[in-house]
């Protein structure tokens, strides 16, 4: 049995169509996974970032207070 050119073209078109459909479905699935991962990361990172910012601010305030106390202490010490 020999295939005609029309048969070959039909088979080729069917295969290409199936591949295109699979690529579209795979791309959509990958995008869903990426979106899900990014969403979960942002849910986790936002509170963590806020805690880090709060700690940074508290440490900065503490450093400024220590500097002020050190300056006051140095003014109280007798100079030699």
PDB file of N, CA and C in Angstrom:
ATOM      1  N   UNK A   1       0.834  -1.167   0.000  1.00  0.00           N
ATOM      2  CA  UNK A   1       0.000   0.000   0.000  1.00  0.00           C
ATOM      3  C   UNK A   1       0.885   1.239   0.000  1.00  0.00           C
ATOM      4  N   UNK A   2       0.598   2.135  -0.873  1.00  0.00           N
ATOM      5  CA  UNK A   2       1.384   3.340  -1.027  1.00  0.00           C
ATOM      6  C   UNK A   2       0.532   4.554  -0.677  1.00  0.00           C
ATOM      7  N   UNK A   3       1.146   5.489   0.016  1.00  0.00           N
ATOM      8  CA  UNK A   3       0.429   6.709   0.393  1.00  0.00           C
ATOM      9  C   UNK A   3       0.536   7.745  -0.706  1.00  0.00           C
ATOM     10  N   UNK A   4      -0.550   8.426  -0.933  1.00  0.00           N
ATOM     11  CA  UNK A   4      -0.535   9.499  -1.924  1.00  0.00           C
ATOM     12  C   UNK A   4      -0.008  10.759  -1.244  1.00  0.00           C
ATOM     13  N   UNK A   5       0.269  11.743  -2.055  1.00  0.00           N
ATOM     14  CA  UNK A   5       0.730  13.024  -1.513  1.00  0.00           C
ATOM     15  C   UNK A   5      -0.326  13.653  -0.615  1.00  0.00           C
ATOM     16  N   UNK A   6      -1.592  13.498  -0.982  1.00  0.00           N
ATOM     17  CA  UNK A   6      -2.681  14.034  -0.152  1.00  0.00           C
ATOM     18  C   UNK A   6      -2.723  13.331   1.208  1.00  0.00           C
ATOM     19  N   UNK A   7      -2.495  12.011   1.211  1.00  0.00           N
ATOM     20  CA  UNK A   7      -2.463  11.272   2.467  1.00  0.00           C
ATOM     21  C   UNK A   7      -1.319  11.758   3.352  1.00  0.00           C
ATOM     22  N   UNK A   8      -0.162  11.915   2.746  1.00  0.00           N
ATOM     23  CA  UNK A   8       1.007  12.387   3.498  1.00  0.00           C
ATOM     24  C   UNK A   8       0.763  13.780   4.073  1.00  0.00           C
ATOM     25  N   UNK A   9       0.167  14.650   3.252  1.00  0.00           N
ATOM     26  CA  UNK A   9      -0.129  16.005   3.707  1.00  0.00           C
ATOM     27  C   UNK A   9      -1.127  15.972   4.861  1.00  0.00           C
ATOM     28  N   UNK A  10      -2.150  15.115   4.753  1.00  0.00           N
ATOM     29  CA  UNK A  10      -3.154  15.017   5.806  1.00  0.00           C
ATOM     30  C   UNK A  10      -2.530  14.519   7.106  1.00  0.00           C
ATOM     31  N   UNK A  11      -1.680  13.505   7.010  1.00  0.00           N
ATOM     32  CA  UNK A  11      -0.999  12.967   8.196  1.00  0.00           C
ATOM     33  C   UNK A  11      -0.081  14.028   8.806  1.00  0.00           C
ATOM     34  N   UNK A  12       0.668  14.714   7.960  1.00  0.00           N
ATOM     35  CA  UNK A  12       1.581  15.757   8.434  1.00  0.00           C
ATOM     36  C   UNK A  12       0.798  16.871   9.134  1.00  0.00           C
ATOM     37  N   UNK A  13      -0.318  17.298   8.531  1.00  0.00           N
ATOM     38  CA  UNK A  13      -1.150  18.339   9.136  1.00  0.00           C
ATOM     39  C   UNK A  13      -1.731  17.874  10.468  1.00  0.00           C
ATOM     40  N   UNK A  14      -2.151  16.606  10.533  1.00  0.00           N
ATOM     41  CA  UNK A  14      -2.712  16.067  11.771  1.00  0.00           C
ATOM     42  C   UNK A  14      -1.659  16.037  12.872  1.00  0.00           C
ATOM     43  N   UNK A  15      -0.459  15.611  12.524  1.00  0.00           N
ATOM     44  CA  UNK A  15       0.628  15.561  13.509  1.00  0.00           C
ATOM     45  C   UNK A  15       0.987  16.962  13.972  1.00  0.00           C
ATOM     46  N   UNK A  16       1.118  17.891  13.028  1.00  0.00           N
ATOM     47  CA  UNK A  16       1.453  19.272  13.396  1.00  0.00           C
ATOM     48  C   UNK A  16       0.360  19.901  14.262  1.00  0.00           C
ATOM     49  N   UNK A  17      -0.885  19.596  13.954  1.00  0.00           N
ATOM     50  CA  UNK A  17      -1.993  20.107  14.763  1.00  0.00           C
ATOM     51  C   UNK A  17      -1.962  19.557  16.183  1.00  0.00           C
ATOM     52  N   UNK A  18      -1.672  18.265  16.303  1.00  0.00           N
ATOM     53  CA  UNK A  18      -1.588  17.640  17.621  1.00  0.00           C
ATOM     54  C   UNK A  18      -0.423  18.226  18.425  1.00  0.00           C
ATOM     55  N   UNK A  19       0.688  18.454  17.759  1.00  0.00           N
ATOM     56  CA  UNK A  19       1.853  19.048  18.429  1.00  0.00           C
ATOM     57  C   UNK A  19       1.517  20.461  18.892  1.00  0.00           C
ATOM     58  N   UNK A  20       0.889  21.253  18.047  1.00  0.00           N
ATOM     59  CA  UNK A  20       0.525  22.633  18.406  1.00  0.00           C
ATOM     60  C   UNK A  20      -0.434  22.653  19.593  1.00  0.00           C
ATOM     61  N   UNK A  21      -1.404  21.738  19.583  1.00  0.00           N
ATOM     62  CA  UNK A  21      -2.353  21.656  20.698  1.00  0.00           C
ATOM     63  C   UNK A  21      -1.632  21.283  21.988  1.00  0.00           C
ATOM     64  N   UNK A  22      -0.723  20.323  21.904  1.00  0.00           N
ATOM     65  CA  UNK A  22       0.046  19.909  23.088  1.00  0.00           C
ATOM     66  C   UNK A  22       0.911  21.051  23.603  1.00  0.00           C
ATOM     67  N   UNK A  23       1.551  21.782  22.707  1.00  0.00           N
ATOM     68  CA  UNK A  23       2.386  22.914  23.112  1.00  0.00           C
ATOM     69  C   UNK A  23       1.546  23.976  23.807  1.00  0.00           C
ATOM     70  N   UNK A  24       0.355  24.254  23.282  1.00  0.00           N
ATOM     71  CA  UNK A  24      -0.530  25.245  23.889  1.00  0.00           C
ATOM     72  C   UNK A  24      -0.940  24.816  25.286  1.00  0.00           C
ATOM     73  N   UNK A  25      -1.321  23.535  25.437  1.00  0.00           N
ATOM     74  CA  UNK A  25      -1.725  23.031  26.751  1.00  0.00           C
ATOM     75  C   UNK A  25      -0.557  23.045  27.731  1.00  0.00           C
ATOM     76  N   UNK A  26       0.615  22.669  27.250  1.00  0.00           N
ATOM     77  CA  UNK A  26       1.799  22.655  28.110  1.00  0.00           C
ATOM     78  C   UNK A  26       2.160  24.073  28.550  1.00  0.00           C
ATOM     79  N   UNK A  27       2.108  25.021  27.638  1.00  0.00           N
ATOM     80  CA  UNK A  27       2.404  26.414  27.971  1.00  0.00           C
ATOM     81  C   UNK A  27       1.430  26.933  29.025  1.00  0.00           C
ATOM     82  N   UNK A  28       0.147  26.622  28.856  1.00  0.00           N
ATOM     83  CA  UNK A  28      -0.861  27.052  29.833  1.00  0.00           C
ATOM     84  C   UNK A  28      -0.593  26.429  31.195  1.00  0.00           C
ATOM     85  N   UNK A  29      -0.224  25.157  31.220  1.00  0.00           N
ATOM     86  CA  UNK A  29       0.063  24.483  32.489  1.00  0.00           C
ATOM     87  C   UNK A  29       1.289  25.092  33.164  1.00  0.00           C
ATOM     88  N   UNK A  30       2.307  25.375  32.394  1.00  0.00           N
ATOM     89  CA  UNK A  30       3.523  25.995  32.943  1.00  0.00           C
ATOM     90  C   UNK A  30       3.193  27.370  33.520  1.00  0.00           C
ATOM     91  N   UNK A  31       2.391  28.151  32.811  1.00  0.00           N
ATOM     92  CA  UNK A  31       2.006  29.479  33.298  1.00  0.00           C
ATOM     93  C   UNK A  31       1.220  29.374  34.606  1.00  0.00           C
ATOM     94  N   UNK A  32       0.339  28.383  34.730  1.00  0.00           N
ATOM     95  CA  UNK A  32      -0.409  28.188  35.972  1.00  0.00           C
ATOM     96  C   UNK A  32       0.530  27.856  37.128  1.00  0.00           C
ATOM     97  N   UNK A  33       1.507  26.992  36.868  1.00  0.00           N
ATOM     98  CA  UNK A  33       2.467  26.616  37.907  1.00  0.00           C
ATOM     99  C   UNK A  33       3.313  27.828  38.316  1.00  0.00           C
ATOM    100  N   UNK A  34       3.799  28.581  37.324  1.00  0.00           N
ATOM    101  CA  UNK A  34       4.597  29.769  37.626  1.00  0.00           C
ATOM    102  C   UNK A  34       3.795  30.762  38.458  1.00  0.00           C
ATOM    103  N   UNK A  35       2.545  30.991  38.063  1.00  0.00           N
ATOM    104  CA  UNK A  35       1.688  31.923  38.793  1.00  0.00           C
ATOM    105  C   UNK A  35       1.469  31.451  40.217  1.00  0.00           C
ATOM    106  N   UNK A  36       1.217  30.173  40.371  1.00  0.00           N
ATOM    107  CA  UNK A  36       1.005  29.604  41.701  1.00  0.00           C
ATOM    108  C   UNK A  36       2.257  29.752  42.568  1.00  0.00           C
ATOM    109  N   UNK A  37       3.405  29.443  42.009  1.00  0.00           N
ATOM    110  CA  UNK A  37       4.656  29.559  42.763  1.00  0.00           C
ATOM    111  C   UNK A  37       4.943  31.003  43.149  1.00  0.00           C
ATOM    112  N   UNK A  38       4.762  31.924  42.209  1.00  0.00           N
ATOM    113  CA  UNK A  38       5.010  33.333  42.511  1.00  0.00           C
ATOM    114  C   UNK A  38       4.042  33.854  43.560  1.00  0.00           C
ATOM    115  N   UNK A  39       2.786  33.433  43.483  1.00  0.00           N
ATOM    116  CA  UNK A  39       1.794  33.857  44.467  1.00  0.00           C
ATOM    117  C   UNK A  39       2.193  33.388  45.862  1.00  0.00           C
ATOM    118  N   UNK A  40       2.562  32.126  45.972  1.00  0.00           N
ATOM    119  CA  UNK A  40       2.964  31.591  47.274  1.00  0.00           C
ATOM    120  C   UNK A  40       4.238  32.260  47.779  1.00  0.00           C
ATOM    121  N   UNK A  41       5.172  32.539  46.879  1.00  0.00           N
ATOM    122  CA  UNK A  41       6.401  33.218  47.286  1.00  0.00           C
ATOM    123  C   UNK A  41       6.089  34.597  47.838  1.00  0.00           C
ATOM    124  N   UNK A  42       5.219  35.334  47.151  1.00  0.00           N
ATOM    125  CA  UNK A  42       4.880  36.676  47.619  1.00  0.00           C
ATOM    126  C   UNK A  42       4.121  36.636  48.943  1.00  0.00           C
ATOM    127  N   UNK A  43       3.284  35.633  49.129  1.00  0.00           N
ATOM    128  CA  UNK A  43       2.599  35.479  50.417  1.00  0.00           C
ATOM    129  C   UNK A  43       3.611  35.270  51.541  1.00  0.00           C
ATOM    130  N   UNK A  44       4.670  34.535  51.251  1.00  0.00           N
ATOM    131  CA  UNK A  44       5.689  34.244  52.248  1.00  0.00           C
ATOM    132  C   UNK A  44       6.637  35.430  52.432  1.00  0.00           C
ATOM    133  N   UNK A  45       7.035  36.057  51.315  1.00  0.00           N
ATOM    134  CA  UNK A  45       8.067  37.086  51.362  1.00  0.00           C
ATOM    135  C   UNK A  45       7.560  38.403  51.937  1.00  0.00           C
ATOM    136  N   UNK A  46       6.311  38.759  51.699  1.00  0.00           N
ATOM    137  CA  UNK A  46       5.814  40.048  52.178  1.00  0.00           C
ATOM    138  C   UNK A  46       5.897  40.169  53.701  1.00  0.00           C
ATOM    139  N   UNK A  47       5.378  39.203  54.469  1.00  0.00           N
ATOM    140  CA  UNK A  47       5.517  39.320  55.924  1.00  0.00           C
ATOM    141  C   UNK A  47       6.979  39.276  56.375  1.00  0.00           C
ATOM    142  N   UNK A  48       7.772  38.478  55.720  1.00  0.00           N
ATOM    143  CA  UNK A  48       9.189  38.387  56.070  1.00  0.00           C
ATOM    144  C   UNK A  48       9.881  39.725  55.837  1.00  0.00           C
ATOM    145  N   UNK A  49       9.568  40.361  54.720  1.00  0.00           N
ATOM    146  CA  UNK A  49      10.160  41.651  54.398  1.00  0.00           C
ATOM    147  C   UNK A  49       9.729  42.710  55.418  1.00  0.00           C
ATOM    148  N   UNK A  50       8.463  42.660  55.816  1.00  0.00           N
ATOM    149  CA  UNK A  50       7.975  43.619  56.809  1.00  0.00           C
ATOM    150  C   UNK A  50       8.668  43.401  58.158  1.00  0.00           C
ATOM    151  N   UNK A  51       8.861  42.146  58.559  1.00  0.00           N
ATOM    152  CA  UNK A  51       9.568  41.876  59.815  1.00  0.00           C
ATOM    153  C   UNK A  51      11.011  42.378  59.734  1.00  0.00           C
ATOM    154  N   UNK A  52      11.659  42.140  58.611  1.00  0.00           N
ATOM    155  CA  UNK A  52      13.043  42.596  58.445  1.00  0.00           C
ATOM    156  C   UNK A  52      13.100  44.121  58.504  1.00  0.00           C
ATOM    157  N   UNK A  53      12.132  44.789  57.871  1.00  0.00           N
ATOM    158  CA  UNK A  53      12.094  46.253  57.903  1.00  0.00           C
ATOM    159  C   UNK A  53      11.898  46.748  59.329  1.00  0.00           C
ATOM    160  N   UNK A  54      10.989  46.109  60.072  1.00  0.00           N
ATOM    161  CA  UNK A  54      10.737  46.493  61.463  1.00  0.00           C
ATOM    162  C   UNK A  54      11.995  46.311  62.300  1.00  0.00           C
ATOM    163  N   UNK A  55      12.681  45.186  62.130  1.00  0.00           N
ATOM    164  CA  UNK A  55      13.912  44.939  62.888  1.00  0.00           C
ATOM    165  C   UNK A  55      14.999  45.941  62.510  1.00  0.00           C
ATOM    166  N   UNK A  56      15.118  46.226  61.210  1.00  0.00           N
ATOM    167  CA  UNK A  56      16.106  47.200  60.754  1.00  0.00           C
ATOM    168  C   UNK A  56      15.850  48.562  61.397  1.00  0.00           C
ATOM    169  N   UNK A  57      14.590  48.969  61.413  1.00  0.00           N
ATOM    170  CA  UNK A  57      14.226  50.261  61.985  1.00  0.00           C
ATOM    171  C   UNK A  57      14.524  50.295  63.477  1.00  0.00           C
ATOM    172  N   UNK A  58      14.195  49.216  64.179  1.00  0.00           N
ATOM    173  CA  UNK A  58      14.456  49.158  65.625  1.00  0.00           C
ATOM    174  C   UNK A  58      15.960  49.198  65.910  1.00  0.00           C
ATOM    175  N   UNK A  59      16.734  48.498  65.127  1.00  0.00           N
ATOM    176  CA  UNK A  59      18.186  48.488  65.324  1.00  0.00           C
ATOM    177  C   UNK A  59      18.766  49.867  65.044  1.00  0.00           C
ATOM    178  N   UNK A  60      18.279  50.524  63.982  1.00  0.00           N
ATOM    179  CA  UNK A  60      18.750  51.873  63.680  1.00  0.00           C
ATOM    180  C   UNK A  60      18.443  52.825  64.826  1.00  0.00           C
ATOM    181  N   UNK A  61      17.230  52.745  65.366  1.00  0.00           N
ATOM    182  CA  UNK A  61      16.848  53.604  66.482  1.00  0.00           C
ATOM    183  C   UNK A  61      17.721  53.317  67.696  1.00  0.00           C
ATOM    184  N   UNK A  62      17.991  52.054  67.942  1.00  0.00           N
ATOM    185  CA  UNK A  62      18.841  51.669  69.060  1.00  0.00           C
ATOM    186  C   UNK A  62      20.261  52.205  68.869  1.00  0.00           C
ATOM    187  N   UNK A  63      20.774  52.116  67.648  1.00  0.00           N
ATOM    188  CA  UNK A  63      22.121  52.642  67.359  1.00  0.00           C
ATOM    189  C   UNK A  63      22.180  54.149  67.597  1.00  0.00           C
ATOM    190  N   UNK A  64      21.156  54.869  67.165  1.00  0.00           N
ATOM    191  CA  UNK A  64      21.129  56.319  67.367  1.00  0.00           C
ATOM    192  C   UNK A  64      21.084  56.655  68.856  1.00  0.00           C
ATOM    193  N   UNK A  65      20.305  55.893  69.602  1.00  0.00           N
ATOM    194  CA  UNK A  65      20.217  56.127  71.036  1.00  0.00           C
ATOM    195  C   UNK A  65      21.548  55.838  71.718  1.00  0.00           C
ATOM    196  N   UNK A  66      22.207  54.759  71.305  1.00  0.00           N
ATOM    197  CA  UNK A  66      23.524  54.432  71.878  1.00  0.00           C
ATOM    198  C   UNK A  66      24.545  55.518  71.560  1.00  0.00           C
ATOM    199  N   UNK A  67      24.492  56.055  70.337  1.00  0.00           N
ATOM    200  CA  UNK A  67      25.392  57.138  69.951  1.00  0.00           C
ATOM    201  C   UNK A  67      25.164  58.360  70.828  1.00  0.00           C
ATOM    202  N   UNK A  68      23.878  58.686  71.029  1.00  0.00           N
ATOM    203  CA  UNK A  68      23.554  59.850  71.864  1.00  0.00           C
ATOM    204  C   UNK A  68      24.044  59.642  73.287  1.00  0.00           C
ATOM    205  N   UNK A  69      23.860  58.448  73.835  1.00  0.00           N
ATOM    206  CA  UNK A  69      24.342  58.157  75.191  1.00  0.00           C
ATOM    207  C   UNK A  69      25.867  58.205  75.266  1.00  0.00           C
ATOM    208  N   UNK A  70      26.524  57.718  74.243  1.00  0.00           N
ATOM    209  CA  UNK A  70      27.990  57.757  74.218  1.00  0.00           C
ATOM    210  C   UNK A  70      28.469  59.202  74.182  1.00  0.00           C
ATOM    211  N   UNK A  71      27.795  60.042  73.395  1.00  0.00           N
ATOM    212  CA  UNK A  71      28.160  61.464  73.339  1.00  0.00           C
ATOM    213  C   UNK A  71      27.963  62.113  74.703  1.00  0.00           C
ATOM    214  N   UNK A  72      26.841  61.826  75.355  1.00  0.00           N
ATOM    215  CA  UNK A  72      26.581  62.389  76.683  1.00  0.00           C
ATOM    216  C   UNK A  72      27.618  61.903  77.680  1.00  0.00           C
ATOM    217  N   UNK A  73      27.960  60.625  77.589  1.00  0.00           N
ATOM    218  CA  UNK A  73      28.967  60.063  78.500  1.00  0.00           C
ATOM    219  C   UNK A  73      30.328  60.694  78.302  1.00  0.00           C
ATOM    220  N   UNK A  74      30.688  60.917  77.057  1.00  0.00           N
ATOM    221  CA  UNK A  74      32.002  61.515  76.798  1.00  0.00           C
ATOM    222  C   UNK A  74      32.064  62.960  77.288  1.00  0.00           C
ATOM    223  N   UNK A  75      30.926  63.650  77.301  1.00  0.00           N
ATOM    224  CA  UNK A  75      30.901  65.023  77.804  1.00  0.00           C
ATOM    225  C   UNK A  75      31.005  65.061  79.320  1.00  0.00           C
ATOM    226  N   UNK A  76      30.527  63.998  79.979  1.00  0.00           N
ATOM    227  CA  UNK A  76      30.587  63.941  81.433  1.00  0.00           C
ATOM    228  C   UNK A  76      31.950  63.502  81.952  1.00  0.00           C
ATOM    229  N   UNK A  77      32.717  62.773  81.152  1.00  0.00           N
ATOM    230  CA  UNK A  77      34.020  62.293  81.581  1.00  0.00           C
ATOM    231  C   UNK A  77      34.975  63.473  81.699  1.00  0.00           C
ATOM    232  N   UNK A  78      35.783  63.444  82.748  1.00  0.00           N
ATOM    233  CA  UNK A  78      36.760  64.546  82.870  1.00  0.00           C
ATOM    234  C   UNK A  78      37.823  64.443  81.785  1.00  0.00           C
ATOM    235  N   UNK A  79      38.182  65.569  81.273  1.00  0.00           N
ATOM    236  CA  UNK A  79      39.234  65.588  80.223  1.00  0.00           C
ATOM    237  C   UNK A  79      40.594  65.658  80.879  1.00  0.00           C
ATOM    238  N   UNK A  80      41.527  64.970  80.315  1.00  0.00           N
ATOM    239  CA  UNK A  80      42.865  64.963  80.897  1.00  0.00           C
ATOM    240  C   UNK A  80      43.829  65.705  80.041  1.00  0.00           C
TER     241      UNK A  80
END
